[in-house]
C-alpha cells in the first residue's frame, strides 16, 4: 500500500435520506488496480482500476479485504477471488 490519496463521497444505503459517508481508497502497487477502499460497516469493497473505472463489490468480508491488500498480485486476486464471488457494479465519482 502506498498511502491514501483518493477520497470518495457516496450515499449510505441504509439511510432513507441522503446522508454522505466518506470512503477512503488507498493507492496500491499493481499493474491492474490503482486504489482500493473498504467500508467495514456495509462490507463494500471499492476497486479503482488503472483505466479509471471504479467498481463496488457487495458482501465482502473484512478477511477478504485484508487478503487482497496482502496479495502478491492484487489484479490476480481480484480476478480469482473477488469478481466471481461478490456482486459488483460500476460507480461514478461525482
Protein backbone atom coordinates (compact mmCIF):
# COMPACT_ATOMS: atom_id res chain seq x y z
CA UNK A 1 0.00 0.00 0.00
CA UNK A 2 1.43 3.38 -0.99
CA UNK A 3 -0.76 5.75 1.02
CA UNK A 4 -4.16 7.34 0.97
CA UNK A 5 -4.59 9.67 -1.98
CA UNK A 6 -8.22 9.21 -3.03
CA UNK A 7 -11.48 10.06 -1.25
CA UNK A 8 -14.98 9.36 -2.46
CA UNK A 9 -18.31 10.60 -1.14
CA UNK A 10 -21.30 8.32 -1.56
CA UNK A 11 -24.73 7.79 -0.09
CA UNK A 12 -25.15 5.33 2.75
CA UNK A 13 -27.59 2.64 1.54
CA UNK A 14 -29.19 2.11 4.94
CA UNK A 15 -30.48 5.67 5.35
CA UNK A 16 -33.75 6.82 3.77
CA UNK A 17 -32.39 10.36 3.41
CA UNK A 18 -29.27 11.44 1.58
CA UNK A 19 -26.54 11.12 4.19
CA UNK A 20 -22.99 11.25 2.86
CA UNK A 21 -20.44 8.69 4.01
CA UNK A 22 -16.71 9.13 3.34
CA UNK A 23 -14.94 6.13 1.87
CA UNK A 24 -11.17 6.29 1.58
CA UNK A 25 -9.41 4.47 -1.22
CA UNK A 26 -5.73 3.75 -0.75
CA UNK A 27 -3.37 3.55 -3.69
CA UNK A 28 -1.88 0.12 -4.23
CA UNK A 29 1.09 -1.22 -6.15
CA UNK A 30 -0.48 -3.10 -9.05
CA UNK A 31 -0.45 -3.14 -12.84
CA UNK A 32 -4.25 -3.51 -12.95
CA UNK A 33 -5.60 -1.78 -9.82
CA UNK A 34 -4.97 1.87 -8.88
CA UNK A 35 -6.67 2.02 -5.47
CA UNK A 36 -8.77 0.02 -3.03
CA UNK A 37 -11.26 1.14 -0.38
CA UNK A 38 -13.35 -0.78 2.11
CA UNK A 39 -16.37 0.18 4.22
CA UNK A 40 -16.50 -2.20 7.18
CA UNK A 41 -19.99 -1.02 8.18
CA UNK A 42 -21.52 -2.11 4.86
CA UNK A 43 -18.94 -4.74 3.79
CA UNK A 44 -18.49 -2.97 0.45
CA UNK A 45 -15.19 -3.06 -1.39
CA UNK A 46 -14.36 -0.31 -3.88
CA UNK A 47 -11.75 -1.02 -6.54
CA UNK A 48 -10.44 1.64 -8.89
CA UNK A 49 -8.81 0.08 -11.92
CA UNK A 50 -5.89 1.64 -13.82
CA UNK A 51 -8.39 2.58 -16.56
CA UNK A 52 -10.14 4.88 -14.07
CA UNK A 53 -13.25 2.70 -13.75
CA UNK A 54 -14.44 2.18 -10.17
CA UNK A 55 -16.41 -0.89 -9.15
CA UNK A 56 -18.12 -1.53 -5.82
CA UNK A 57 -18.39 -5.15 -4.65
CA UNK A 58 -21.00 -6.06 -2.02
CA UNK A 59 -20.94 -8.51 0.89
CA UNK A 60 -17.13 -8.71 1.04
CA UNK A 61 -15.91 -9.93 4.45
CA UNK A 62 -13.11 -7.98 6.17
CA UNK A 63 -10.82 -11.01 5.86
CA UNK A 64 -11.09 -10.91 2.06
CA UNK A 65 -10.21 -7.21 2.06
CA UNK A 66 -7.15 -7.94 4.22
CA UNK A 67 -6.12 -10.83 1.97
CA UNK A 68 -6.48 -8.59 -1.10
CA UNK A 69 -4.12 -5.99 0.34
CA UNK A 70 -1.61 -8.70 1.27
CA UNK A 71 -1.80 -10.50 -2.08
CA UNK A 72 1.35 -10.97 -4.13
CA UNK A 73 -0.65 -9.92 -7.21
CA UNK A 74 -3.65 -7.71 -6.47
CA UNK A 75 -5.00 -7.98 -10.02
CA UNK A 76 -4.87 -11.78 -9.98
CA UNK A 77 -6.53 -11.85 -6.55
CA UNK A 78 -9.38 -9.66 -7.83
CA UNK A 79 -9.91 -11.89 -10.85
CA UNK A 80 -9.80 -15.12 -8.86
CA UNK A 81 -11.42 -14.26 -5.51
CA UNK A 82 -13.47 -11.07 -5.90
CA UNK A 83 -15.15 -10.90 -9.32
CA UNK A 84 -16.51 -14.49 -9.38
CA UNK A 85 -17.82 -14.43 -5.80
CA UNK A 86 -19.17 -10.95 -4.95
CA UNK A 87 -21.76 -8.89 -6.82
CA UNK A 88 -20.20 -5.77 -8.30
CA UNK A 89 -21.42 -2.66 -10.08
CA UNK A 90 -19.67 0.27 -11.68
CA UNK A 91 -19.81 3.51 -9.71
CA UNK A 92 -19.21 7.01 -10.95
CA UNK A 93 -17.32 9.62 -8.95
CA UNK A 94 -19.03 12.97 -8.98
